[in-house]
Amino acid sequence: MPLYDYRCAACGNTFEARHNISADAPNCPQCGTPKPTRLITTVPAITQGMNANAGDGRNASKEQLRAKWAEETPKLRQKLVSKFGEDYVNRNAPSLKSSPDKKE
């Protein structure tokens, strides 16, 4: 069952409650007021590998993008070679053989 965060409008108490999505909000455990306000909270996403942004967020410099390419390309190539074989990767993913600036 999901865990929800609530704040009581009467006393300002913030609390968590675990209940079914279709169930009503519980009463405030401090003052007993019904129907507290559900708080919307977010969890920071941690991405790694090719999904991670190069540099400091979305405004990466060319150098940061090149560094990210150089870091991730060999890993990706290795995974593809282990799964499909060297010949398949050379034939179907030729860009994994060189840097993004070089064209063979």
Protein backbone atom coordinates (compact mmCIF):
# COMPACT_ATOMS: atom_id res chain seq x y z
CA MET A 1 0.00 0.00 0.00
CA PRO A 2 1.25 3.50 -0.75
CA LEU A 3 2.49 5.91 1.89
CA TYR A 4 0.88 9.37 1.82
CA ASP A 5 1.90 12.65 3.48
CA TYR A 6 -0.80 14.83 5.05
CA ARG A 7 -1.08 18.21 6.79
CA CYS A 8 -3.91 19.08 9.13
CA ALA A 9 -5.54 22.44 8.33
CA ALA A 10 -6.65 22.90 11.95
CA CYS A 11 -3.44 22.28 13.90
CA GLY A 12 -0.75 22.27 11.16
CA ASN A 13 0.46 18.78 12.08
CA THR A 14 2.24 16.95 9.25
CA PHE A 15 2.01 13.16 9.27
CA GLU A 16 2.27 10.06 7.10
CA ALA A 17 -0.39 7.41 6.60
CA ARG A 18 -0.31 4.13 4.70
CA HIS A 19 -3.63 3.13 3.16
CA ASN A 20 -5.32 1.94 0.00
CA ILE A 21 -5.55 4.46 -2.83
CA SER A 22 -9.35 4.33 -2.76
CA ALA A 23 -9.59 4.78 1.03
CA ASP A 24 -10.46 8.13 2.58
CA ALA A 25 -7.76 10.18 4.29
CA PRO A 26 -7.35 9.35 7.98
CA ASN A 27 -8.16 11.83 10.73
CA CYS A 28 -5.33 13.91 12.14
CA PRO A 29 -3.61 11.84 14.85
CA GLN A 30 -2.90 14.97 16.93
CA CYS A 31 -6.28 16.74 17.00
CA GLY A 32 -8.66 14.29 15.26
CA THR A 33 -9.77 16.70 12.52
CA PRO A 34 -11.17 14.77 9.54
CA LYS A 35 -9.95 15.11 5.94
CA PRO A 36 -6.45 16.59 6.20
CA THR A 37 -4.81 17.96 3.06
CA ARG A 38 -2.68 15.47 1.14
CA LEU A 39 0.79 16.81 0.36
CA ILE A 40 2.40 16.13 -2.98
CA THR A 41 6.04 15.27 -2.46
CA THR A 42 8.62 14.26 -5.03
CA VAL A 43 11.64 12.04 -4.93
CA PRO A 44 14.79 13.14 -6.74
CA ALA A 45 15.62 10.95 -9.71
CA ILE A 46 19.12 9.57 -9.82
CA THR A 47 20.20 8.65 -13.30
CA GLN A 48 23.39 7.02 -14.40
CA GLY A 49 24.96 5.97 -17.63
CA MET A 50 23.59 7.24 -20.94
CA ASN A 51 20.47 8.64 -19.23
CA ALA A 52 22.48 11.01 -17.06
CA ASN A 53 22.97 14.55 -18.26
CA ALA A 54 26.48 15.55 -19.19
CA GLY A 55 27.83 18.44 -17.17
CA ASP A 56 25.70 20.48 -14.80
CA GLY A 57 22.20 19.72 -15.99
CA ARG A 58 20.87 20.27 -19.47
CA ASN A 59 23.24 23.06 -20.48
CA ALA A 60 26.32 20.95 -21.16
CA SER A 61 29.23 22.35 -23.11
CA LYS A 62 30.63 20.62 -26.19
CA GLU A 63 33.59 19.43 -24.15
CA GLN A 64 31.31 17.90 -21.51
CA LEU A 65 29.25 16.15 -24.18
CA ARG A 66 32.41 14.77 -25.82
CA ALA A 67 33.66 13.55 -22.45
CA LYS A 68 30.31 11.84 -21.79
CA TRP A 69 30.43 10.24 -25.26
CA ALA A 70 33.97 9.01 -24.66
CA GLU A 71 32.98 7.61 -21.26
CA GLU A 72 29.78 5.82 -22.29
CA THR A 73 30.49 4.60 -25.84
CA PRO A 74 32.94 1.83 -24.87
CA LYS A 75 30.50 0.54 -22.22
CA LEU A 76 27.63 0.46 -24.70
CA ARG A 77 29.77 -1.16 -27.37
CA GLN A 78 30.94 -3.84 -24.94
CA LYS A 79 27.35 -4.68 -23.98
CA LEU A 80 26.28 -4.91 -27.61
CA VAL A 81 29.27 -7.05 -28.59
CA SER A 82 28.64 -9.47 -25.73
CA LYS A 83 25.00 -9.79 -26.75
CA PHE A 84 25.13 -9.73 -30.56
CA GLY A 85 28.75 -10.32 -31.55
CA GLU A 86 31.52 -8.19 -33.04
CA ASP A 87 30.43 -8.52 -36.69
CA TYR A 88 26.85 -7.46 -35.96
CA VAL A 89 27.97 -4.37 -34.03
CA ASN A 90 30.48 -3.34 -36.71
CA ARG A 91 27.83 -3.70 -39.41
CA ASN A 92 24.85 -2.12 -37.61
CA ALA A 93 26.41 0.39 -35.20
CA PRO A 94 29.42 1.87 -36.97
CA SER A 95 29.22 5.09 -34.94
CA LEU A 96 30.33 3.15 -31.87
CA LYS A 97 33.76 2.71 -33.41
CA SER A 98 34.75 6.37 -33.34
CA SER A 99 34.17 9.65 -31.55
CA PRO A 100 31.19 11.80 -32.61
CA ASP A 101 33.48 14.19 -34.52
CA LYS A 102 35.14 11.55 -36.70
CA LYS A 103 33.37 10.05 -39.66
CA GLU A 104 34.85 6.88 -41.12
